[in-house]
Amino acid sequence: MQQECVNCHNENVDSPKRDWQAGQVGGIVEIVYPLNSLEIMAGMGWVDSYGMMGVLVLLWLGGFGLVVLKLRGVSGELENQVRHRTAALNNSNRQLEIEISERKLAEETIRQARDNLEKRVQERTGKLAASNAELIREVAERKRAEDDIRSLNAQLVQRSAQLEASNKELEAFSYSVSHDLRAPLRGIDGFSQAVLEDYDEKLDDAGRSYLNRVRAASQRMSQLIDAMLNLARLTRAEIHSQTFDMSAMVKSILEDLQKVEPDREVECVVAKHLLATADPQLIRAVLENLLGNAWKFTRQQPNPRIEFGHGQYKGQAAFFVKDNGAGFDMTYAHKLFGAFQRLHAYTEFPGVGVGLATVHRIIQRHGGQIWPEGVVDKGATFHFTL
């Protein structure tokens, strides 16, 4: 509709619609024909009347044609809008499908993550429960261990008190032995010697032999007492460790043995500059016994040989004293370190049988080990660690 037509329709008070706008199509053609015009037509002839009606029909058809044309334009626009809207909806649907697919994928990922998390939580919970059970068990075991330790400490205190009492008794016994027992032995030996000297002419050979055997037995008993006291003294002595040259100590002991028997020729081989960290006085007692035995048991060899050296045993330094003397049967090796144990006759090799027992206890007190190797008539070797 043109603007003039719009204004006319909107201003006419008889128009049923008064809010038209330019370009708007309502789909009808409104023809307002005044009543006075009909009255005029009634006074016309039939030719004029039909002519007027033809004009009205033409006007109606023209209006209807305009409406159809406008509707076709509107229909085209609507079709274009529908196509555009349909395309937009299709795009929106595709986008929505993509978003739904992505959301499903995200939900599946979240579900898997949740399942994995729940599984890990369950596993972790199981591990924590096992750890708690293990911790409870360890705490219980530790408590039992602490109770055992307290019990052992109480027993140790009691044992220490008993050992202290035993040591005091041993000291009292040692004092008794050194004074009460040795005095009668000295009397026996002294009176036997006096009888031999003062009444020698009145004694026959058997009497002299008996008295000499009495003297020898009393002297040997005195040696046994001295050895026993020395063993008790050395095994109770405090350890004062320091580093010293063991090779020099061995040479000094061998020189002392050579002075006692200057006519003996013994090949002595001593490794140089062997250092040790221990109590020098106690280790000297060890070496005096080992070297003294080697010196004694090689006495019957034509070419005696004594060797002092070192090696390795379980990653630590090990020393040894080796000789080519009488040796021993390894079957009886377990008896060597017992007090008053002998593998040879006293008449063949004199001694009281406490030297190796003393050596064994001193080595043990230093936290070391000692072990023998021997073959009868081919010598012996004593290894020890500190």
Protein backbone atom coordinates (compact mmCIF):
# COMPACT_ATOMS: atom_id res chain seq x y z
CA MET A 1 0.00 0.00 0.00
CA GLN A 2 1.17 3.48 -0.76
CA GLN A 3 1.58 6.02 1.97
CA GLU A 4 -1.36 8.08 0.68
CA CYS A 5 -3.65 5.03 0.81
CA VAL A 6 -2.39 4.17 4.29
CA ASN A 7 -3.16 7.67 5.51
CA CYS A 8 -6.60 7.59 3.92
CA HIS A 9 -7.55 4.27 5.46
CA ASN A 10 -6.19 5.21 8.88
CA GLU A 11 -8.02 8.59 8.89
CA ASN A 12 -11.39 7.26 7.72
CA VAL A 13 -13.61 6.78 10.76
CA ASP A 14 -15.56 4.04 9.01
CA SER A 15 -12.46 1.93 8.27
CA PRO A 16 -12.50 -1.30 10.32
CA LYS A 17 -8.71 -1.19 10.62
CA ARG A 18 -6.89 2.04 11.34
CA ASP A 19 -3.32 0.98 12.09
CA TRP A 20 -2.09 0.28 8.58
CA GLN A 21 1.53 0.85 7.67
CA ALA A 22 3.18 1.48 4.29
CA GLY A 23 3.98 -1.79 2.48
CA GLN A 24 1.75 -3.90 4.75
CA VAL A 25 -0.66 -6.36 3.14
CA GLY A 26 -3.68 -7.52 5.05
CA GLY A 27 -4.93 -10.02 2.42
CA ILE A 28 -8.26 -8.19 1.67
CA VAL A 29 -9.41 -5.34 -0.45
CA GLU A 30 -11.56 -2.89 1.33
CA ILE A 31 -13.95 -0.93 -0.83
CA VAL A 32 -15.99 1.63 0.93
CA TYR A 33 -18.91 2.70 -1.13
CA PRO A 34 -21.22 5.34 0.30
CA LEU A 35 -24.97 4.59 0.50
CA ASN A 36 -25.80 7.73 -1.35
CA SER A 37 -23.85 6.28 -4.30
CA LEU A 38 -26.24 3.28 -4.37
CA GLU A 39 -29.14 5.62 -4.30
CA ILE A 40 -27.64 7.35 -7.32
CA MET A 41 -27.10 3.97 -9.04
CA ALA A 42 -30.71 3.04 -8.46
CA GLY A 43 -31.75 6.05 -10.47
CA MET A 44 -29.47 5.08 -13.35
CA GLY A 45 -30.39 3.02 -16.32
CA TRP A 46 -29.45 -0.62 -16.76
CA VAL A 47 -26.55 0.24 -19.03
CA ASP A 48 -25.07 2.64 -16.53
CA SER A 49 -25.74 0.20 -13.73
CA TYR A 50 -23.96 -2.67 -15.45
CA GLY A 51 -21.16 -0.37 -16.40
CA MET A 52 -20.73 0.67 -12.79
CA MET A 53 -20.80 -2.96 -11.63
CA GLY A 54 -18.18 -3.83 -14.25
CA VAL A 55 -15.99 -1.11 -12.89
CA LEU A 56 -16.44 -2.48 -9.38
CA VAL A 57 -15.61 -6.03 -10.56
CA LEU A 58 -12.52 -4.79 -12.32
CA LEU A 59 -11.49 -2.95 -9.21
CA TRP A 60 -12.06 -6.07 -7.11
CA LEU A 61 -10.11 -8.27 -9.54
CA GLY A 62 -7.29 -5.78 -9.65
CA GLY A 63 -7.12 -5.69 -5.90
CA PHE A 64 -7.26 -9.47 -5.72
CA GLY A 65 -4.43 -9.70 -8.27
CA LEU A 66 -2.35 -7.33 -6.26
CA VAL A 67 -3.01 -9.44 -3.18
CA VAL A 68 -2.00 -12.61 -5.04
CA LEU A 69 1.17 -11.00 -6.31
CA LYS A 70 1.97 -9.73 -2.84
CA LEU A 71 1.24 -13.14 -1.36
CA ARG A 72 3.56 -14.72 -3.90
CA GLY A 73 6.33 -12.32 -2.86
CA VAL A 74 5.59 -12.99 0.75
CA SER A 75 5.55 -16.73 0.06
CA GLY A 76 8.99 -16.47 -1.65
CA GLU A 77 10.34 -14.53 1.26
CA LEU A 78 8.83 -17.02 3.65
CA GLU A 79 10.37 -19.89 1.68
CA ASN A 80 13.77 -18.16 1.78
CA GLN A 81 13.37 -17.55 5.48
CA VAL A 82 12.30 -21.17 5.98
CA ARG A 83 15.33 -22.39 4.00
CA HIS A 84 17.64 -20.12 5.95
CA ARG A 85 15.98 -21.12 9.20
CA THR A 86 16.09 -24.78 8.22
CA ALA A 87 19.80 -24.49 7.35
CA ALA A 88 20.42 -22.69 10.62
CA LEU A 89 18.45 -25.36 12.47
CA ASN A 90 20.40 -28.08 10.66
CA ASN A 91 23.66 -26.38 11.60
CA SER A 92 22.39 -26.00 15.13
CA ASN A 93 21.38 -29.67 15.17
CA ARG A 94 24.77 -30.75 13.85
CA GLN A 95 26.49 -28.52 16.38
CA LEU A 96 24.18 -29.89 19.06
CA GLU A 97 24.98 -33.45 17.96
CA ILE A 98 28.70 -32.66 18.13
CA GLU A 99 28.22 -31.10 21.56
CA ILE A 100 26.15 -34.11 22.68
CA SER A 101 28.83 -36.48 21.33
CA GLU A 102 31.56 -34.48 23.05
CA ARG A 103 29.50 -34.38 26.23
CA LYS A 104 28.95 -38.15 26.07
CA LEU A 105 32.67 -38.61 25.51
CA ALA A 106 33.43 -36.29 28.41
CA GLU A 107 30.89 -38.12 30.56
CA GLU A 108 32.47 -41.46 29.59
CA THR A 109 35.90 -40.07 30.36
CA ILE A 110 34.64 -38.76 33.68
CA ARG A 111 32.97 -42.11 34.39
CA GLN A 112 36.19 -43.99 33.62
CA ALA A 113 38.17 -41.52 35.72
CA ARG A 114 35.65 -41.95 38.54
CA ASP A 115 35.85 -45.74 38.24
CA ASN A 116 39.65 -45.60 38.21
CA LEU A 117 39.60 -43.22 41.16
CA GLU A 118 37.23 -45.50 43.05
CA LYS A 119 39.44 -48.48 42.21
CA ARG A 120 42.55 -46.62 43.33
CA VAL A 121 40.74 -45.48 46.46
CA GLN A 122 39.75 -49.08 47.18
CA GLU A 123 43.29 -50.30 46.52
CA ARG A 124 44.73 -47.50 48.62
CA THR A 125 42.21 -48.23 51.34
CA GLY A 126 43.20 -51.90 51.25
CA LYS A 127 46.88 -50.99 51.40
CA LEU A 128 46.26 -48.58 54.24
CA ALA A 129 44.29 -51.24 56.08
CA ALA A 130 47.12 -53.73 55.52
CA SER A 131 49.67 -51.09 56.57
CA ASN A 132 47.64 -50.31 59.67
CA ALA A 133 47.43 -54.00 60.49
CA GLU A 134 51.18 -54.36 59.91
CA LEU A 135 51.83 -51.26 62.00
CA ILE A 136 49.65 -52.61 64.80
CA ARG A 137 51.52 -55.91 64.59
CA GLU A 138 54.89 -54.13 64.62
CA VAL A 139 53.82 -52.00 67.55
CA ALA A 140 52.73 -55.13 69.40
CA GLU A 141 55.99 -56.89 68.52
CA ARG A 142 57.98 -53.83 69.52
CA LYS A 143 56.12 -53.68 72.79
CA ARG A 144 56.85 -57.35 73.37
CA ALA A 145 60.47 -56.74 72.41
CA GLU A 146 60.67 -53.83 74.83
CA ASP A 147 59.16 -56.02 77.52
CA ASP A 148 61.68 -58.73 76.68
CA ILE A 149 64.49 -56.18 76.75
CA ARG A 150 63.36 -54.92 80.13
CA SER A 151 63.18 -58.48 81.36
CA LEU A 152 66.61 -59.24 79.91
CA ASN A 153 68.00 -56.04 81.43
CA ALA A 154 66.64 -57.09 84.78
CA GLN A 155 68.16 -60.52 84.30
CA LEU A 156 71.39 -58.91 83.16
CA VAL A 157 71.49 -56.73 86.25
CA GLN A 158 70.87 -59.79 88.35
CA ARG A 159 73.47 -61.73 86.39
CA SER A 160 75.95 -58.87 86.74
CA ALA A 161 75.42 -58.87 90.46
CA GLN A 162 75.97 -62.63 90.50
CA LEU A 163 79.09 -62.27 88.38
CA GLU A 164 80.39 -59.54 90.62
CA ALA A 165 79.80 -61.78 93.61
CA SER A 166 81.47 -64.66 91.77
CA ASN A 167 84.43 -62.45 90.90
CA LYS A 168 84.78 -61.47 94.51
CA GLU A 169 84.63 -65.14 95.49
CA LEU A 170 87.19 -65.91 92.79
CA GLU A 171 89.46 -63.17 94.08
CA ALA A 172 89.09 -64.56 97.58
CA PHE A 173 89.81 -68.03 96.25
CA SER A 174 92.85 -66.76 94.34
CA TYR A 175 94.15 -65.12 97.49
CA SER A 176 93.55 -68.33 99.40
CA VAL A 177 95.33 -70.38 96.74
CA SER A 178 98.28 -68.03 96.52
CA HIS A 179 98.82 -68.01 100.27
CA ASP A 180 97.13 -70.96 101.94
CA LEU A 181 97.85 -73.64 99.31
CA ARG A 182 101.27 -72.52 98.15
CA ALA A 183 102.63 -72.33 101.67
CA PRO A 184 102.16 -76.10 102.30
CA LEU A 185 103.64 -76.85 98.90
CA ARG A 186 106.70 -74.79 99.73
CA GLY A 187 106.92 -76.70 103.01
CA ILE A 188 106.72 -80.05 101.25
CA ASP A 189 109.34 -79.08 98.73
CA GLY A 190 111.59 -77.49 101.35
CA PHE A 191 111.45 -80.39 103.82
CA SER A 192 111.95 -82.91 101.02
CA GLN A 193 115.06 -81.03 99.93
CA ALA A 194 116.25 -80.86 103.55
CA VAL A 195 115.84 -84.60 103.97
CA LEU A 196 117.78 -85.22 100.77
CA GLU A 197 120.58 -82.93 101.89
CA ASP A 198 120.76 -83.85 105.61
CA TYR A 199 119.99 -87.54 105.44
CA ASP A 200 121.45 -88.41 102.11
CA GLU A 201 123.83 -91.04 103.56
CA LYS A 202 120.98 -92.79 105.39
CA LEU A 203 118.73 -92.99 102.29
CA ASP A 204 118.95 -95.68 99.70
CA ASP A 205 118.34 -95.08 96.02
CA ALA A 206 114.61 -95.81 96.29
CA GLY A 207 114.22 -93.28 99.13
CA ARG A 208 116.06 -90.62 97.17
CA SER A 209 113.84 -91.35 94.13
CA TYR A 210 110.69 -91.05 96.17
CA LEU A 211 111.75 -87.72 97.65
CA ASN A 212 112.75 -86.39 94.25
CA ARG A 213 109.33 -87.41 92.91
CA VAL A 214 107.68 -85.63 95.87
CA ARG A 215 109.66 -82.50 95.11
CA ALA A 216 108.81 -82.69 91.40
CA ALA A 217 105.11 -83.16 92.14
CA SER A 218 105.04 -80.25 94.58
CA GLN A 219 106.88 -78.02 92.12
CA ARG A 220 104.49 -79.01 89.33
CA MET A 221 101.55 -78.32 91.65
CA SER A 222 103.03 -74.92 92.35
CA GLN A 223 103.32 -74.30 88.61
CA LEU A 224 99.68 -75.31 88.13
CA ILE A 225 98.60 -72.89 90.84
CA ASP A 226 100.68 -70.11 89.30
CA ALA A 227 99.20 -70.84 85.87
CA MET A 228 95.66 -70.88 87.26
CA LEU A 229 96.19 -67.58 89.05
CA ASN A 230 97.74 -66.08 85.95
CA LEU A 231 94.75 -67.24 83.84
CA ALA A 232 92.31 -65.69 86.31
CA ARG A 233 94.32 -62.47 86.43
CA LEU A 234 94.62 -62.09 82.66
CA THR A 235 90.98 -62.87 81.93
CA ARG A 236 89.79 -60.28 84.49
CA ALA A 237 92.25 -57.55 83.57
CA GLU A 238 90.85 -54.38 81.98
CA ILE A 239 91.63 -53.87 78.31
CA HIS A 240 93.57 -50.73 77.40
CA SER A 241 93.82 -50.71 73.63
CA GLN A 242 96.48 -48.88 71.67
CA THR A 243 98.28 -49.33 68.36
CA PHE A 244 101.68 -51.02 68.59
CA ASP A 245 104.21 -52.90 66.45
CA MET A 246 103.44 -56.59 66.87
CA SER A 247 106.48 -57.60 64.79
CA ALA A 248 108.84 -55.88 67.26
CA MET A 249 107.07 -57.62 70.15
CA VAL A 250 107.49 -61.04 68.47
CA LYS A 251 111.21 -60.42 67.91
CA SER A 252 111.63 -59.45 71.56
CA ILE A 253 109.93 -62.65 72.76
CA LEU A 254 112.02 -64.83 70.42
CA GLU A 255 115.18 -63.14 71.68
CA ASP A 256 114.17 -63.96 75.27
CA LEU A 257 113.58 -67.61 74.32
CA GLN A 258 116.97 -67.73 72.61
CA LYS A 259 118.68 -66.37 75.74
CA VAL A 260 117.18 -69.20 77.79
CA GLU A 261 118.58 -71.77 75.33
CA PRO A 262 121.52 -70.07 73.63
CA ASP A 263 122.79 -73.32 72.12
CA ARG A 264 119.60 -73.95 70.11
CA GLU A 265 119.56 -72.94 66.48
CA VAL A 266 116.03 -72.05 65.35
CA GLU A 267 115.16 -70.35 62.07
CA CYS A 268 112.84 -67.49 62.94
CA VAL A 269 110.92 -65.62 60.20
CA VAL A 270 109.04 -62.51 61.30
CA ALA A 271 107.01 -60.30 58.95
CA LYS A 272 108.00 -56.67 59.29
CA HIS A 273 105.97 -53.77 60.62
CA LEU A 274 102.75 -55.59 61.46
CA LEU A 275 100.65 -53.17 63.49
CA ALA A 276 97.77 -54.07 65.77
CA THR A 277 95.30 -52.16 67.94
CA ALA A 278 94.77 -54.03 71.20
CA ASP A 279 96.01 -54.27 74.77
CA PRO A 280 99.80 -54.71 74.45
CA GLN A 281 100.25 -56.56 77.75
CA LEU A 282 97.47 -59.07 77.02
CA ILE A 283 98.64 -59.62 73.43
CA ARG A 284 102.18 -60.15 74.72
CA ALA A 285 100.79 -62.95 76.90
CA VAL A 286 99.14 -64.43 73.77
CA LEU A 287 102.38 -64.29 71.77
CA GLU A 288 104.49 -65.62 74.64
CA ASN A 289 102.26 -68.70 74.87
CA LEU A 290 102.05 -69.30 71.10
CA LEU A 291 105.75 -68.69 70.45
CA GLY A 292 106.72 -70.59 73.61
CA ASN A 293 104.73 -73.62 72.38
CA ALA A 294 106.32 -73.35 68.93
CA TRP A 295 109.78 -73.18 70.55
CA LYS A 296 109.00 -76.16 72.79
CA PHE A 297 107.36 -78.43 70.19
CA THR A 298 110.18 -77.92 67.63
CA ARG A 299 112.82 -79.08 70.09
CA GLN A 300 112.99 -82.57 68.52
CA GLN A 301 113.23 -81.27 64.93
CA PRO A 302 116.67 -81.24 63.27
CA ASN A 303 115.92 -77.97 61.45
CA PRO A 304 113.37 -76.13 63.59
CA ARG A 305 111.56 -73.21 62.02
CA ILE A 306 109.13 -70.65 63.51
CA GLU A 307 107.26 -68.10 61.41
CA PHE A 308 105.08 -65.12 62.33
CA GLY A 309 103.01 -63.47 59.59
CA HIS A 310 99.62 -62.20 58.56
CA GLY A 311 96.86 -62.73 56.00
CA GLN A 312 93.16 -62.06 55.46
CA TYR A 313 90.15 -63.76 57.05
CA LYS A 314 86.60 -62.65 56.18
CA GLY A 315 87.76 -59.19 55.18
CA GLN A 316 89.92 -58.45 58.23
CA ALA A 317 93.57 -58.88 59.15
CA ALA A 318 94.54 -62.25 60.57
CA PHE A 319 97.87 -63.11 62.20
CA PHE A 320 99.48 -66.54 62.55
CA VAL A 321 102.27 -68.37 64.37
CA LYS A 322 103.56 -71.37 62.43
CA ASP A 323 106.10 -74.07 63.26
CA ASN A 324 107.35 -77.37 61.86
CA GLY A 325 107.29 -79.19 65.18
CA ALA A 326 105.36 -82.13 66.59
CA GLY A 327 101.99 -80.94 65.31
CA PHE A 328 98.74 -82.60 66.43
CA ASP A 329 95.81 -84.65 65.22
CA MET A 330 92.98 -82.35 64.03
CA THR A 331 90.50 -84.84 65.48
CA TYR A 332 91.36 -83.49 68.92
CA ALA A 333 91.63 -79.83 67.91
CA HIS A 334 88.54 -78.96 69.98
CA LYS A 335 90.44 -79.89 73.16
CA LEU A 336 93.34 -77.50 72.58
CA PHE A 337 91.74 -74.45 74.20
CA GLY A 338 90.39 -76.17 77.31
CA ALA A 339 92.10 -75.54 80.65
CA PHE A 340 94.50 -78.32 81.72
CA GLN A 341 93.97 -80.15 78.40
CA ARG A 342 97.05 -81.78 76.87
CA LEU A 343 97.59 -83.70 73.62
CA HIS A 344 101.17 -84.73 74.45
CA ALA A 345 102.71 -86.48 77.46
CA TYR A 346 104.18 -84.32 80.21
CA THR A 347 107.43 -86.27 80.09
CA GLU A 348 107.76 -85.59 76.36
CA PHE A 349 106.81 -81.91 76.39
CA PRO A 350 106.53 -80.39 79.89
CA GLY A 351 103.76 -77.91 80.62
CA VAL A 352 100.65 -77.33 82.72
CA GLY A 353 98.05 -77.10 79.91
CA VAL A 354 96.60 -73.63 80.47
CA GLY A 355 98.59 -71.61 77.92
CA LEU A 356 96.17 -72.03 75.00
CA ALA A 357 93.17 -71.57 77.30
CA THR A 358 94.68 -68.23 78.33
CA VAL A 359 95.27 -67.32 74.67
CA HIS A 360 91.69 -68.23 73.74
CA ARG A 361 90.13 -66.11 76.47
CA ILE A 362 92.28 -63.06 75.70
CA ILE A 363 91.46 -63.25 71.97
CA GLN A 364 87.75 -63.57 72.79
CA ARG A 365 87.90 -60.55 75.07
CA HIS A 366 89.30 -58.57 72.12
CA GLY A 367 86.34 -59.65 69.98
CA GLY A 368 88.51 -61.87 67.78
CA GLN A 369 88.74 -65.50 66.81
CA ILE A 370 91.46 -68.13 66.98
CA TRP A 371 91.62 -71.46 65.18
CA PRO A 372 94.34 -74.12 64.75
CA GLU A 373 95.67 -76.19 61.87
CA GLY A 374 98.00 -79.10 62.41
CA VAL A 375 99.42 -82.36 61.11
CA VAL A 376 101.19 -84.88 63.30
CA ASP A 377 105.01 -84.52 63.03
CA LYS A 378 104.61 -81.76 60.41
CA GLY A 379 103.90 -78.77 62.59
CA ALA A 380 101.06 -76.55 63.64
CA THR A 381 99.68 -73.15 62.76
CA PHE A 382 97.56 -70.94 65.00
CA HIS A 383 95.58 -68.15 63.28
CA PHE A 384 93.93 -65.34 65.21
CA THR A 385 92.12 -62.05 64.61
CA LEU A 386 91.62 -59.06 66.88
